[in-house]
Amino acid sequence: MIETIDPGDVILTRKPHACGGSEWTVTRTGADIKMRCNTCGHVVMLDRERFLRRRKAVIRRGPASQIGQTEEHP
């Protein structure tokens, strides 16, 4: 299963940023992923392959990830 990354998702990185923070918010997706450090506000753009290697987990899904998801009724 391919996990999608959407703007607004909060991710945890494998190594902490120089400021000590490991949580980042995704601000743009495409061929490159743009994300902002939740501790110091530093903005970084990584190509998708490098981003997928450096992320550890998705902490919270953003509002864009929840569009189109509906509850199933039995």
C-alpha atoms as a PDB file:
ATOM      1  CA  MET A   1       0.000   0.000   0.000  1.00  0.00           C
ATOM      2  CA  ILE A   2       1.329   3.412  -0.956  1.00  0.00           C
ATOM      3  CA  GLU A   3       0.850   5.987   1.750  1.00  0.00           C
ATOM      4  CA  THR A   4      -0.156   9.404   0.487  1.00  0.00           C
ATOM      5  CA  ILE A   5       1.326  12.603   1.856  1.00  0.00           C
ATOM      6  CA  ASP A   6      -0.921  15.663   1.801  1.00  0.00           C
ATOM      7  CA  PRO A   7      -0.501  19.303   2.840  1.00  0.00           C
ATOM      8  CA  GLY A   8      -1.220  19.745   6.534  1.00  0.00           C
ATOM      9  CA  ASP A   9       0.151  16.335   7.560  1.00  0.00           C
ATOM     10  CA  VAL A  10       2.496  16.436  10.561  1.00  0.00           C
ATOM     11  CA  ILE A  11       5.403  14.016  10.260  1.00  0.00           C
ATOM     12  CA  LEU A  12       8.175  12.805  12.546  1.00  0.00           C
ATOM     13  CA  THR A  13      11.699  12.620  11.093  1.00  0.00           C
ATOM     14  CA  ARG A  14      14.320   9.998  11.900  1.00  0.00           C
ATOM     15  CA  LYS A  15      16.920  12.594  12.947  1.00  0.00           C
ATOM     16  CA  PRO A  16      16.120  15.844  14.767  1.00  0.00           C
ATOM     17  CA  HIS A  17      16.626  19.229  13.120  1.00  0.00           C
ATOM     18  CA  ALA A  18      19.488  21.423  14.384  1.00  0.00           C
ATOM     19  CA  CYS A  19      16.982  23.238  16.645  1.00  0.00           C
ATOM     20  CA  GLY A  20      16.118  19.925  18.329  1.00  0.00           C
ATOM     21  CA  GLY A  21      12.655  19.497  16.799  1.00  0.00           C
ATOM     22  CA  SER A  22      11.606  16.352  14.934  1.00  0.00           C
ATOM     23  CA  GLU A  23       8.050  17.355  13.974  1.00  0.00           C
ATOM     24  CA  TRP A  24       7.429  18.937  10.578  1.00  0.00           C
ATOM     25  CA  THR A  25       4.261  20.125   8.813  1.00  0.00           C
ATOM     26  CA  VAL A  26       3.960  19.387   5.090  1.00  0.00           C
ATOM     27  CA  THR A  27       3.041  22.581   3.221  1.00  0.00           C
ATOM     28  CA  ARG A  28       3.304  21.447  -0.439  1.00  0.00           C
ATOM     29  CA  THR A  29       3.388  18.141  -2.276  1.00  0.00           C
ATOM     30  CA  GLY A  30       4.263  17.055  -5.783  1.00  0.00           C
ATOM     31  CA  ALA A  31       7.570  15.851  -7.190  1.00  0.00           C
ATOM     32  CA  ASP A  32       9.124  17.731  -4.257  1.00  0.00           C
ATOM     33  CA  ILE A  33       7.802  17.919  -0.694  1.00  0.00           C
ATOM     34  CA  LYS A  34       7.964  21.255   1.117  1.00  0.00           C
ATOM     35  CA  MET A  35       7.797  21.149   4.918  1.00  0.00           C
ATOM     36  CA  ARG A  36       8.148  23.539   7.845  1.00  0.00           C
ATOM     37  CA  CYS A  37       9.778  22.731  11.201  1.00  0.00           C
ATOM     38  CA  ASN A  38       7.184  23.007  13.988  1.00  0.00           C
ATOM     39  CA  THR A  39       9.855  24.156  16.486  1.00  0.00           C
ATOM     40  CA  CYS A  40      11.762  26.914  14.673  1.00  0.00           C
ATOM     41  CA  GLY A  41       9.763  27.502  11.450  1.00  0.00           C
ATOM     42  CA  HIS A  42      12.624  26.633   9.063  1.00  0.00           C
ATOM     43  CA  VAL A  43      11.341  25.601   5.601  1.00  0.00           C
ATOM     44  CA  VAL A  44      12.922  22.740   3.631  1.00  0.00           C
ATOM     45  CA  MET A  45      12.162  21.219   0.213  1.00  0.00           C
ATOM     46  CA  LEU A  46      13.121  17.606  -0.438  1.00  0.00           C
ATOM     47  CA  ASP A  47      12.562  15.398  -3.451  1.00  0.00           C
ATOM     48  CA  ARG A  48       9.957  12.706  -2.760  1.00  0.00           C
ATOM     49  CA  GLU A  49      12.485   9.847  -2.555  1.00  0.00           C
ATOM     50  CA  ARG A  50      14.663  11.629   0.016  1.00  0.00           C
ATOM     51  CA  PHE A  51      11.569  12.687   1.992  1.00  0.00           C
ATOM     52  CA  LEU A  52      10.299   9.089   2.187  1.00  0.00           C
ATOM     53  CA  ARG A  53      13.688   7.900   3.491  1.00  0.00           C
ATOM     54  CA  ARG A  54      13.913  10.613   6.157  1.00  0.00           C
ATOM     55  CA  ARG A  55      10.412  10.442   7.617  1.00  0.00           C
ATOM     56  CA  LYS A  56       9.734   8.071  10.470  1.00  0.00           C
ATOM     57  CA  ALA A  57       5.971   8.320  10.917  1.00  0.00           C
ATOM     58  CA  VAL A  58       2.919  10.441  10.207  1.00  0.00           C
ATOM     59  CA  ILE A  59       1.781  11.886  13.542  1.00  0.00           C
ATOM     60  CA  ARG A  60      -1.402  13.645  12.405  1.00  0.00           C
ATOM     61  CA  ARG A  61      -3.258  13.821   9.131  1.00  0.00           C
ATOM     62  CA  GLY A  62      -4.057  17.269   7.818  1.00  0.00           C
ATOM     63  CA  PRO A  63      -7.476  18.436   6.645  1.00  0.00           C
ATOM     64  CA  ALA A  64      -6.575  17.740   2.983  1.00  0.00           C
ATOM     65  CA  SER A  65      -6.109  14.032   3.811  1.00  0.00           C
ATOM     66  CA  GLN A  66      -9.640  13.763   5.132  1.00  0.00           C
ATOM     67  CA  ILE A  67     -11.397  15.165   2.054  1.00  0.00           C
ATOM     68  CA  GLY A  68     -13.270  12.460   0.230  1.00  0.00           C
ATOM     69  CA  GLN A  69     -13.216  10.046   3.131  1.00  0.00           C
ATOM     70  CA  THR A  70     -16.706   8.994   4.092  1.00  0.00           C
ATOM     71  CA  GLU A  71     -17.985   6.719   6.772  1.00  0.00           C
ATOM     72  CA  GLU A  72     -19.234   3.372   5.587  1.00  0.00           C
ATOM     73  CA  HIS A  73     -22.693   2.400   6.731  1.00  0.00           C
ATOM     74  CA  PRO A  74     -23.578  -1.290   7.156  1.00  0.00           C
END
